[in-house]
PDB file of all heavy atoms in Angstrom:
ATOM      1  N   ASN A   1      -4.986   8.301  -6.604  1.00  0.00           N
ATOM      2  CA  ASN A   1      -6.247   7.732  -5.993  1.00  0.00           C
ATOM      3  C   ASN A   1      -6.783   6.553  -6.692  1.00  0.00           C
ATOM      4  O   ASN A   1      -7.785   5.994  -6.338  1.00  0.00           O
ATOM      5  CB  ASN A   1      -7.294   8.857  -5.831  1.00  0.00           C
ATOM      6  CG  ASN A   1      -6.891   9.836  -4.731  1.00  0.00           C
ATOM      7  OD1 ASN A   1      -6.229   9.538  -3.799  1.00  0.00           O
ATOM      8  ND2 ASN A   1      -7.278  11.059  -4.961  1.00  0.00           N
ATOM      9  N   THR A   2      -6.192   6.183  -7.840  1.00  0.00           N
ATOM     10  CA  THR A   2      -6.693   5.073  -8.675  1.00  0.00           C
ATOM     11  C   THR A   2      -5.728   3.934  -8.678  1.00  0.00           C
ATOM     12  O   THR A   2      -6.152   2.762  -8.516  1.00  0.00           O
ATOM     13  CB  THR A   2      -6.926   5.521 -10.100  1.00  0.00           C
ATOM     14  OG1 THR A   2      -7.886   6.636 -10.133  1.00  0.00           O
ATOM     15  CG2 THR A   2      -7.443   4.386 -10.956  1.00  0.00           C
ATOM     16  N   TYR A   3      -4.430   4.188  -8.806  1.00  0.00           N
ATOM     17  CA  TYR A   3      -3.479   3.124  -9.049  1.00  0.00           C
ATOM     18  C   TYR A   3      -2.588   2.825  -7.862  1.00  0.00           C
ATOM     19  O   TYR A   3      -2.097   3.742  -7.218  1.00  0.00           O
ATOM     20  CB  TYR A   3      -2.594   3.441 -10.239  1.00  0.00           C
ATOM     21  CG  TYR A   3      -3.357   3.587 -11.529  1.00  0.00           C
ATOM     22  CD1 TYR A   3      -3.699   4.831 -12.048  1.00  0.00           C
ATOM     23  CD2 TYR A   3      -3.849   2.476 -12.233  1.00  0.00           C
ATOM     24  CE1 TYR A   3      -4.458   5.041 -13.223  1.00  0.00           C
ATOM     25  CE2 TYR A   3      -4.580   2.609 -13.396  1.00  0.00           C
ATOM     26  CZ  TYR A   3      -4.859   3.850 -13.908  1.00  0.00           C
ATOM     27  OH  TYR A   3      -5.595   4.040 -15.022  1.00  0.00           O
ATOM     28  N   LEU A   4      -2.364   1.532  -7.686  1.00  0.00           N
ATOM     29  CA  LEU A   4      -1.419   1.089  -6.560  1.00  0.00           C
ATOM     30  C   LEU A   4      -0.775  -0.167  -7.087  1.00  0.00           C
ATOM     31  O   LEU A   4      -1.336  -1.045  -7.756  1.00  0.00           O
ATOM     32  CB  LEU A   4      -2.410   0.747  -5.349  1.00  0.00           C
ATOM     33  CG  LEU A   4      -1.883   0.079  -4.104  1.00  0.00           C
ATOM     34  CD1 LEU A   4      -2.688   0.465  -2.927  1.00  0.00           C
ATOM     35  CD2 LEU A   4      -1.858  -1.464  -4.211  1.00  0.00           C
ATOM     36  N   THR A   5       0.555  -0.276  -6.661  1.00  0.00           N
ATOM     37  CA  THR A   5       1.336  -1.468  -7.082  1.00  0.00           C
ATOM     38  C   THR A   5       1.852  -2.205  -5.853  1.00  0.00           C
ATOM     39  O   THR A   5       2.173  -1.523  -4.825  1.00  0.00           O
ATOM     40  CB  THR A   5       2.481  -1.137  -7.997  1.00  0.00           C
ATOM     41  OG1 THR A   5       3.285  -0.060  -7.505  1.00  0.00           O
ATOM     42  CG2 THR A   5       1.922  -0.740  -9.411  1.00  0.00           C
ATOM     43  N   ALA A   6       2.038  -3.523  -5.897  1.00  0.00           N
ATOM     44  CA  ALA A   6       2.529  -4.308  -4.766  1.00  0.00           C
ATOM     45  C   ALA A   6       3.660  -5.124  -5.238  1.00  0.00           C
ATOM     46  O   ALA A   6       3.684  -5.727  -6.364  1.00  0.00           O
ATOM     47  CB  ALA A   6       1.388  -5.142  -4.261  1.00  0.00           C
ATOM     48  N   TYR A   7       4.672  -5.286  -4.410  1.00  0.00           N
ATOM     49  CA  TYR A   7       5.900  -6.019  -4.663  1.00  0.00           C
ATOM     50  C   TYR A   7       6.167  -7.016  -3.494  1.00  0.00           C
ATOM     51  O   TYR A   7       6.479  -6.592  -2.417  1.00  0.00           O
ATOM     52  CB  TYR A   7       7.101  -5.028  -4.682  1.00  0.00           C
ATOM     53  CG  TYR A   7       6.767  -3.822  -5.633  1.00  0.00           C
ATOM     54  CD1 TYR A   7       5.998  -2.795  -5.188  1.00  0.00           C
ATOM     55  CD2 TYR A   7       7.398  -3.646  -6.866  1.00  0.00           C
ATOM     56  CE1 TYR A   7       5.708  -1.692  -5.994  1.00  0.00           C
ATOM     57  CE2 TYR A   7       7.115  -2.561  -7.693  1.00  0.00           C
ATOM     58  CZ  TYR A   7       6.279  -1.630  -7.232  1.00  0.00           C
ATOM     59  OH  TYR A   7       6.019  -0.496  -8.022  1.00  0.00           O
ATOM     60  N   ALA A   8       5.969  -8.311  -3.786  1.00  0.00           N
ATOM     61  CA  ALA A   8       5.995  -9.302  -2.689  1.00  0.00           C
ATOM     62  C   ALA A   8       7.172 -10.234  -2.730  1.00  0.00           C
ATOM     63  O   ALA A   8       7.896 -10.351  -3.763  1.00  0.00           O
ATOM     64  CB  ALA A   8       4.662 -10.114  -2.730  1.00  0.00           C
ATOM     65  N   HIS A   9       7.418 -10.956  -1.564  1.00  0.00           N
ATOM     66  CA  HIS A   9       8.401 -12.014  -1.396  1.00  0.00           C
ATOM     67  C   HIS A   9       9.847 -11.452  -1.290  1.00  0.00           C
ATOM     68  O   HIS A   9      10.765 -12.207  -1.548  1.00  0.00           O
ATOM     69  CB  HIS A   9       8.300 -13.019  -2.443  1.00  0.00           C
ATOM     70  CG  HIS A   9       6.975 -13.612  -2.686  1.00  0.00           C
ATOM     71  ND1 HIS A   9       6.180 -14.104  -1.596  1.00  0.00           N
ATOM     72  CD2 HIS A   9       6.166 -13.829  -3.781  1.00  0.00           C
ATOM     73  CE1 HIS A   9       5.096 -14.611  -2.089  1.00  0.00           C
ATOM     74  NE2 HIS A   9       5.014 -14.459  -3.387  1.00  0.00           N
ATOM     75  N   ASN A  10       9.984 -10.220  -0.974  1.00  0.00           N
ATOM     76  CA  ASN A  10      11.331  -9.643  -0.925  1.00  0.00           C
ATOM     77  C   ASN A  10      12.218 -10.178   0.206  1.00  0.00           C
ATOM     78  O   ASN A  10      11.612 -10.615   1.262  1.00  0.00           O
ATOM     79  CB  ASN A  10      11.261  -8.073  -0.810  1.00  0.00           C
ATOM     80  CG  ASN A  10      10.416  -7.481  -1.935  1.00  0.00           C
ATOM     81  OD1 ASN A  10      10.867  -7.442  -3.041  1.00  0.00           O
ATOM     82  ND2 ASN A  10       9.251  -7.003  -1.570  1.00  0.00           N
ATOM     83  N   SER A  11      13.489 -10.166   0.034  1.00  0.00           N
ATOM     84  CA  SER A  11      14.432 -10.587   1.073  1.00  0.00           C
ATOM     85  C   SER A  11      14.720  -9.390   1.959  1.00  0.00           C
ATOM     86  O   SER A  11      15.019  -9.609   3.179  1.00  0.00           O
ATOM     87  CB  SER A  11      15.649 -11.196   0.569  1.00  0.00           C
ATOM     88  OG  SER A  11      16.397 -10.248  -0.277  1.00  0.00           O
ATOM     89  N   LYS A  12      14.736  -8.221   1.460  1.00  0.00           N
ATOM     90  CA  LYS A  12      15.065  -7.027   2.179  1.00  0.00           C
ATOM     91  C   LYS A  12      14.235  -5.826   1.675  1.00  0.00           C
ATOM     92  O   LYS A  12      14.093  -5.694   0.475  1.00  0.00           O
ATOM     93  CB  LYS A  12      16.531  -6.811   2.052  1.00  0.00           C
ATOM     94  CG  LYS A  12      17.073  -5.533   2.865  1.00  0.00           C
ATOM     95  CD  LYS A  12      18.563  -5.472   2.698  1.00  0.00           C
ATOM     96  CE  LYS A  12      19.124  -4.337   3.503  1.00  0.00           C
ATOM     97  NZ  LYS A  12      20.579  -4.176   3.360  1.00  0.00           N
ATOM     98  N   LEU A  13      13.742  -5.008   2.582  1.00  0.00           N
ATOM     99  CA  LEU A  13      12.947  -3.793   2.238  1.00  0.00           C
ATOM    100  C   LEU A  13      13.850  -2.653   2.440  1.00  0.00           C
ATOM    101  O   LEU A  13      14.519  -2.484   3.423  1.00  0.00           O
ATOM    102  CB  LEU A  13      11.649  -3.732   3.078  1.00  0.00           C
ATOM    103  CG  LEU A  13      10.750  -4.895   3.016  1.00  0.00           C
ATOM    104  CD1 LEU A  13       9.505  -4.606   3.926  1.00  0.00           C
ATOM    105  CD2 LEU A  13      10.313  -5.224   1.586  1.00  0.00           C
ATOM    106  N   LEU A  14      13.894  -1.789   1.387  1.00  0.00           N
ATOM    107  CA  LEU A  14      14.781  -0.574   1.501  1.00  0.00           C
ATOM    108  C   LEU A  14      14.068   0.677   1.647  1.00  0.00           C
ATOM    109  O   LEU A  14      14.638   1.832   1.639  1.00  0.00           O
ATOM    110  CB  LEU A  14      15.626  -0.523   0.155  1.00  0.00           C
ATOM    111  CG  LEU A  14      16.414  -1.738  -0.192  1.00  0.00           C
ATOM    112  CD1 LEU A  14      17.200  -1.624  -1.474  1.00  0.00           C
ATOM    113  CD2 LEU A  14      17.402  -2.110   0.955  1.00  0.00           C
ATOM    114  N   VAL A  15      12.697   0.661   1.801  1.00  0.00           N
ATOM    115  CA  VAL A  15      11.884   1.841   2.004  1.00  0.00           C
ATOM    116  C   VAL A  15      10.920   1.569   3.176  1.00  0.00           C
ATOM    117  O   VAL A  15      10.805   0.424   3.638  1.00  0.00           O
ATOM    118  CB  VAL A  15      11.063   2.198   0.739  1.00  0.00           C
ATOM    119  CG1 VAL A  15      11.992   2.600  -0.364  1.00  0.00           C
ATOM    120  CG2 VAL A  15      10.186   1.032   0.326  1.00  0.00           C
ATOM    121  N   LYS A  16      10.342   2.681   3.681  1.00  0.00           N
ATOM    122  CA  LYS A  16       9.391   2.541   4.755  1.00  0.00           C
ATOM    123  C   LYS A  16       8.138   3.363   4.433  1.00  0.00           C
ATOM    124  O   LYS A  16       8.119   4.107   3.515  1.00  0.00           O
ATOM    125  CB  LYS A  16      10.089   3.020   6.124  1.00  0.00           C
ATOM    126  CG  LYS A  16      10.401   4.571   6.024  1.00  0.00           C
ATOM    127  CD  LYS A  16      11.110   4.960   7.322  1.00  0.00           C
ATOM    128  CE  LYS A  16      11.478   6.421   7.388  1.00  0.00           C
ATOM    129  NZ  LYS A  16      12.345   6.847   6.288  1.00  0.00           N
ATOM    130  N   GLU A  17       7.094   3.140   5.206  1.00  0.00           N
ATOM    131  CA  GLU A  17       5.822   3.819   4.961  1.00  0.00           C
ATOM    132  C   GLU A  17       6.073   5.325   5.102  1.00  0.00           C
ATOM    133  O   GLU A  17       6.757   5.833   5.965  1.00  0.00           O
ATOM    134  CB  GLU A  17       4.812   3.392   6.026  1.00  0.00           C
ATOM    135  CG  GLU A  17       4.383   1.925   5.926  1.00  0.00           C
ATOM    136  CD  GLU A  17       3.330   1.568   6.980  1.00  0.00           C
ATOM    137  OE1 GLU A  17       2.720   2.505   7.488  1.00  0.00           O
ATOM    138  OE2 GLU A  17       3.145   0.381   7.234  1.00  0.00           O
ATOM    139  N   GLY A  18       5.400   5.998   4.089  1.00  0.00           N
ATOM    140  CA  GLY A  18       5.523   7.473   4.019  1.00  0.00           C
ATOM    141  C   GLY A  18       6.578   7.930   3.131  1.00  0.00           C
ATOM    142  O   GLY A  18       6.628   9.140   2.715  1.00  0.00           O
ATOM    143  N   ASP A  19       7.534   7.020   2.646  1.00  0.00           N
ATOM    144  CA  ASP A  19       8.512   7.455   1.737  1.00  0.00           C
ATOM    145  C   ASP A  19       7.989   7.779   0.312  1.00  0.00           C
ATOM    146  O   ASP A  19       7.118   7.109  -0.143  1.00  0.00           O
ATOM    147  CB  ASP A  19       9.634   6.405   1.553  1.00  0.00           C
ATOM    148  CG  ASP A  19      10.487   6.321   2.805  1.00  0.00           C
ATOM    149  OD1 ASP A  19      10.418   7.208   3.651  1.00  0.00           O
ATOM    150  OD2 ASP A  19      11.355   5.350   2.890  1.00  0.00           O
ATOM    151  N   SER A  20       8.495   8.753  -0.330  1.00  0.00           N
ATOM    152  CA  SER A  20       8.209   9.070  -1.728  1.00  0.00           C
ATOM    153  C   SER A  20       9.201   8.376  -2.554  1.00  0.00           C
ATOM    154  O   SER A  20      10.397   8.465  -2.247  1.00  0.00           O
ATOM    155  CB  SER A  20       8.199  10.557  -2.082  1.00  0.00           C
ATOM    156  OG  SER A  20       7.079  11.179  -1.329  1.00  0.00           O
ATOM    157  N   VAL A  21       8.806   7.667  -3.621  1.00  0.00           N
ATOM    158  CA  VAL A  21       9.762   7.000  -4.506  1.00  0.00           C
ATOM    159  C   VAL A  21       9.594   7.444  -5.955  1.00  0.00           C
ATOM    160  O   VAL A  21       8.560   7.866  -6.358  1.00  0.00           O
ATOM    161  CB  VAL A  21       9.558   5.460  -4.421  1.00  0.00           C
ATOM    162  CG1 VAL A  21       9.854   4.932  -2.997  1.00  0.00           C
ATOM    163  CG2 VAL A  21       8.164   5.025  -4.836  1.00  0.00           C
ATOM    164  N   ARG A  22      10.671   7.297  -6.710  1.00  0.00           N
ATOM    165  CA  ARG A  22      10.620   7.598  -8.087  1.00  0.00           C
ATOM    166  C   ARG A  22      10.615   6.390  -8.967  1.00  0.00           C
ATOM    167  O   ARG A  22      11.056   5.329  -8.526  1.00  0.00           O
ATOM    168  CB  ARG A  22      11.896   8.529  -8.460  1.00  0.00           C
ATOM    169  CG  ARG A  22      12.083   9.673  -7.564  1.00  0.00           C
ATOM    170  CD  ARG A  22      10.993  10.731  -7.747  1.00  0.00           C
ATOM    171  NE  ARG A  22      11.021  11.270  -9.064  1.00  0.00           N
ATOM    172  CZ  ARG A  22      10.190  12.242  -9.506  1.00  0.00           C
ATOM    173  NH1 ARG A  22       9.215  12.645  -8.708  1.00  0.00           N
ATOM    174  NH2 ARG A  22      10.234  12.670 -10.695  1.00  0.00           N
ATOM    175  N   LYS A  23      10.115   6.571 -10.154  1.00  0.00           N
ATOM    176  CA  LYS A  23      10.128   5.395 -11.133  1.00  0.00           C
ATOM    177  C   LYS A  23      11.477   4.952 -11.334  1.00  0.00           C
ATOM    178  O   LYS A  23      12.427   5.634 -11.636  1.00  0.00           O
ATOM    179  CB  LYS A  23       9.487   5.951 -12.430  1.00  0.00           C
ATOM    180  CG  LYS A  23       9.209   4.819 -13.427  1.00  0.00           C
ATOM    181  CD  LYS A  23       8.533   5.456 -14.652  1.00  0.00           C
ATOM    182  CE  LYS A  23       8.087   4.419 -15.627  1.00  0.00           C
ATOM    183  NZ  LYS A  23       7.345   4.989 -16.793  1.00  0.00           N
ATOM    184  N   GLY A  24      11.705   3.586 -11.210  1.00  0.00           N
ATOM    185  CA  GLY A  24      13.004   3.008 -11.357  1.00  0.00           C
ATOM    186  C   GLY A  24      13.906   2.963 -10.135  1.00  0.00           C
ATOM    187  O   GLY A  24      14.988   2.375 -10.189  1.00  0.00           O
ATOM    188  N   GLN A  25      13.374   3.497  -9.026  1.00  0.00           N
ATOM    189  CA  GLN A  25      14.181   3.558  -7.739  1.00  0.00           C
ATOM    190  C   GLN A  25      14.122   2.132  -7.163  1.00  0.00           C
ATOM    191  O   GLN A  25      13.131   1.428  -7.154  1.00  0.00           O
ATOM    192  CB  GLN A  25      13.530   4.516  -6.776  1.00  0.00           C
ATOM    193  CG  GLN A  25      14.247   4.596  -5.433  1.00  0.00           C
ATOM    194  CD  GLN A  25      13.617   5.617  -4.520  1.00  0.00           C
ATOM    195  OE1 GLN A  25      12.990   6.619  -4.927  1.00  0.00           O
ATOM    196  NE2 GLN A  25      13.740   5.328  -3.209  1.00  0.00           N
ATOM    197  N   LYS A  26      15.316   1.774  -6.631  1.00  0.00           N
ATOM    198  CA  LYS A  26      15.377   0.454  -5.897  1.00  0.00           C
ATOM    199  C   LYS A  26      14.672   0.556  -4.619  1.00  0.00           C
ATOM    200  O   LYS A  26      15.028   1.384  -3.786  1.00  0.00           O
ATOM    201  CB  LYS A  26      16.873   0.039  -5.780  1.00  0.00           C
ATOM    202  CG  LYS A  26      17.094  -1.347  -5.105  1.00  0.00           C
ATOM    203  CD  LYS A  26      18.487  -1.682  -5.074  1.00  0.00           C
ATOM    204  CE  LYS A  26      18.748  -3.090  -4.322  1.00  0.00           C
ATOM    205  NZ  LYS A  26      20.186  -3.447  -4.192  1.00  0.00           N
ATOM    206  N   ILE A  27      13.664  -0.307  -4.411  1.00  0.00           N
ATOM    207  CA  ILE A  27      12.899  -0.217  -3.197  1.00  0.00           C
ATOM    208  C   ILE A  27      13.030  -1.454  -2.309  1.00  0.00           C
ATOM    209  O   ILE A  27      12.612  -1.481  -1.145  1.00  0.00           O
ATOM    210  CB  ILE A  27      11.374   0.036  -3.484  1.00  0.00           C
ATOM    211  CG1 ILE A  27      10.823  -1.053  -4.394  1.00  0.00           C
ATOM    212  CG2 ILE A  27      11.225   1.448  -4.051  1.00  0.00           C
ATOM    213  CD1 ILE A  27       9.383  -0.965  -4.604  1.00  0.00           C
ATOM    214  N   ALA A  28      13.593  -2.503  -2.918  1.00  0.00           N
ATOM    215  CA  ALA A  28      13.725  -3.777  -2.196  1.00  0.00           C
ATOM    216  C   ALA A  28      14.664  -4.718  -2.905  1.00  0.00           C
ATOM    217  O   ALA A  28      15.187  -4.366  -3.978  1.00  0.00           O
ATOM    218  CB  ALA A  28      12.319  -4.511  -2.044  1.00  0.00           C
ATOM    219  N   GLU A  29      14.948  -5.871  -2.275  1.00  0.00           N
ATOM    220  CA  GLU A  29      15.834  -6.868  -2.923  1.00  0.00           C
ATOM    221  C   GLU A  29      14.956  -8.131  -3.052  1.00  0.00           C
ATOM    222  O   GLU A  29      14.274  -8.536  -2.034  1.00  0.00           O
ATOM    223  CB  GLU A  29      17.066  -7.084  -2.164  1.00  0.00           C
ATOM    224  CG  GLU A  29      17.999  -5.908  -2.143  1.00  0.00           C
ATOM    225  CD  GLU A  29      19.300  -6.109  -1.370  1.00  0.00           C
ATOM    226  OE1 GLU A  29      19.415  -7.228  -0.766  1.00  0.00           O
ATOM    227  OE2 GLU A  29      20.132  -5.237  -1.328  1.00  0.00           O
ATOM    228  N   MET A  30      15.100  -8.781  -4.196  1.00  0.00           N
ATOM    229  CA  MET A  30      14.236 -10.079  -4.390  1.00  0.00           C
ATOM    230  C   MET A  30      14.607 -11.102  -3.396  1.00  0.00           C
ATOM    231  O   MET A  30      15.691 -11.158  -2.880  1.00  0.00           O
ATOM    232  CB  MET A  30      14.560 -10.471  -5.775  1.00  0.00           C
ATOM    233  CG  MET A  30      13.549 -11.555  -6.311  1.00  0.00           C
ATOM    234  SD  MET A  30      13.876 -12.156  -7.985  1.00  0.00           S
ATOM    235  CE  MET A  30      13.440 -10.651  -8.901  1.00  0.00           C
ATOM    236  N   GLY A  31      13.609 -11.843  -3.059  1.00  0.00           N
ATOM    237  CA  GLY A  31      13.786 -12.911  -2.091  1.00  0.00           C
ATOM    238  C   GLY A  31      12.738 -14.083  -2.276  1.00  0.00           C
ATOM    239  O   GLY A  31      12.115 -14.235  -3.349  1.00  0.00           O
ATOM    240  N   ASP A  32      12.694 -14.924  -1.293  1.00  0.00           N
ATOM    241  CA  ASP A  32      11.764 -16.101  -1.291  1.00  0.00           C
ATOM    242  C   ASP A  32      10.921 -16.186  -0.034  1.00  0.00           C
ATOM    243  O   ASP A  32      10.566 -17.284   0.353  1.00  0.00           O
ATOM    244  CB  ASP A  32      12.532 -17.386  -1.606  1.00  0.00           C
ATOM    245  CG  ASP A  32      13.646 -17.633  -0.558  1.00  0.00           C
ATOM    246  OD1 ASP A  32      13.755 -16.811   0.471  1.00  0.00           O
ATOM    247  OD2 ASP A  32      14.354 -18.602  -0.651  1.00  0.00           O
ATOM    248  N   THR A  33      10.632 -14.979   0.616  1.00  0.00           N
ATOM    249  CA  THR A  33       9.851 -15.062   1.794  1.00  0.00           C
ATOM    250  C   THR A  33       8.442 -15.416   1.459  1.00  0.00           C
ATOM    251  O   THR A  33       7.791 -14.865   0.598  1.00  0.00           O
ATOM    252  CB  THR A  33       9.881 -13.682   2.518  1.00  0.00           C
ATOM    253  OG1 THR A  33       9.482 -12.664   1.608  1.00  0.00           O
ATOM    254  CG2 THR A  33      11.289 -13.342   2.991  1.00  0.00           C
ATOM    255  N   ASP A  34       7.935 -16.389   2.156  1.00  0.00           N
ATOM    256  CA  ASP A  34       6.486 -16.893   2.001  1.00  0.00           C
ATOM    257  C   ASP A  34       6.240 -17.489   0.641  1.00  0.00           C
ATOM    258  O   ASP A  34       5.144 -17.439   0.109  1.00  0.00           O
ATOM    259  CB  ASP A  34       5.494 -15.705   2.237  1.00  0.00           C
ATOM    260  CG  ASP A  34       4.413 -16.237   3.218  1.00  0.00           C
ATOM    261  OD1 ASP A  34       4.345 -17.389   3.596  1.00  0.00           O
ATOM    262  OD2 ASP A  34       3.586 -15.360   3.592  1.00  0.00           O
ATOM    263  N   THR A  35       7.307 -18.063   0.015  1.00  0.00           N
ATOM    264  CA  THR A  35       7.178 -18.711  -1.205  1.00  0.00           C
ATOM    265  C   THR A  35       8.327 -19.747  -1.333  1.00  0.00           C
ATOM    266  O   THR A  35       9.132 -19.817  -0.506  1.00  0.00           O
ATOM    267  CB  THR A  35       7.179 -17.742  -2.410  1.00  0.00           C
ATOM    268  OG1 THR A  35       6.904 -18.429  -3.638  1.00  0.00           O
ATOM    269  CG2 THR A  35       8.529 -17.103  -2.513  1.00  0.00           C
ATOM    270  N   ASN A  36       8.253 -20.586  -2.383  1.00  0.00           N
ATOM    271  CA  ASN A  36       9.188 -21.703  -2.469  1.00  0.00           C
ATOM    272  C   ASN A  36      10.430 -21.484  -3.385  1.00  0.00           C
ATOM    273  O   ASN A  36      11.284 -22.323  -3.460  1.00  0.00           O
ATOM    274  CB  ASN A  36       8.509 -22.968  -2.951  1.00  0.00           C
ATOM    275  CG  ASN A  36       7.787 -22.800  -4.237  1.00  0.00           C
ATOM    276  OD1 ASN A  36       7.917 -21.688  -4.882  1.00  0.00           O
ATOM    277  ND2 ASN A  36       6.914 -23.741  -4.654  1.00  0.00           N
ATOM    278  N   ALA A  37      10.536 -20.295  -3.967  1.00  0.00           N
ATOM    279  CA  ALA A  37      11.686 -19.948  -4.942  1.00  0.00           C
ATOM    280  C   ALA A  37      11.837 -18.449  -4.962  1.00  0.00           C
ATOM    281  O   ALA A  37      10.817 -17.795  -4.854  1.00  0.00           O
ATOM    282  CB  ALA A  37      11.439 -20.602  -6.255  1.00  0.00           C
ATOM    283  N   PRO A  38      13.048 -17.965  -5.183  1.00  0.00           N
ATOM    284  CA  PRO A  38      13.219 -16.505  -5.367  1.00  0.00           C
ATOM    285  C   PRO A  38      12.422 -16.010  -6.519  1.00  0.00           C
ATOM    286  O   PRO A  38      12.550 -16.476  -7.626  1.00  0.00           O
ATOM    287  CB  PRO A  38      14.766 -16.414  -5.538  1.00  0.00           C
ATOM    288  CG  PRO A  38      15.297 -17.615  -5.029  1.00  0.00           C
ATOM    289  CD  PRO A  38      14.319 -18.732  -5.280  1.00  0.00           C
ATOM    290  N   LYS A  39      11.673 -14.976  -6.308  1.00  0.00           N
ATOM    291  CA  LYS A  39      10.832 -14.369  -7.287  1.00  0.00           C
ATOM    292  C   LYS A  39      10.214 -13.081  -6.801  1.00  0.00           C
ATOM    293  O   LYS A  39      10.219 -12.869  -5.624  1.00  0.00           O
ATOM    294  CB  LYS A  39       9.743 -15.283  -7.811  1.00  0.00           C
ATOM    295  CG  LYS A  39       8.663 -15.616  -6.846  1.00  0.00           C
ATOM    296  CD  LYS A  39       7.620 -16.534  -7.395  1.00  0.00           C
ATOM    297  CE  LYS A  39       6.551 -16.940  -6.282  1.00  0.00           C
ATOM    298  NZ  LYS A  39       5.572 -17.863  -6.901  1.00  0.00           N
TER     299      LYS A  39
END
């Protein structure tokens, strides 16, 4: 209820709303959506 993290500009999303994820789990692939360089 306190902490939330956000991961932006991905090229591909590997999870969907409602999924439980573990620390270190791959949730997306880096990309350059809505930005000028991959990051």
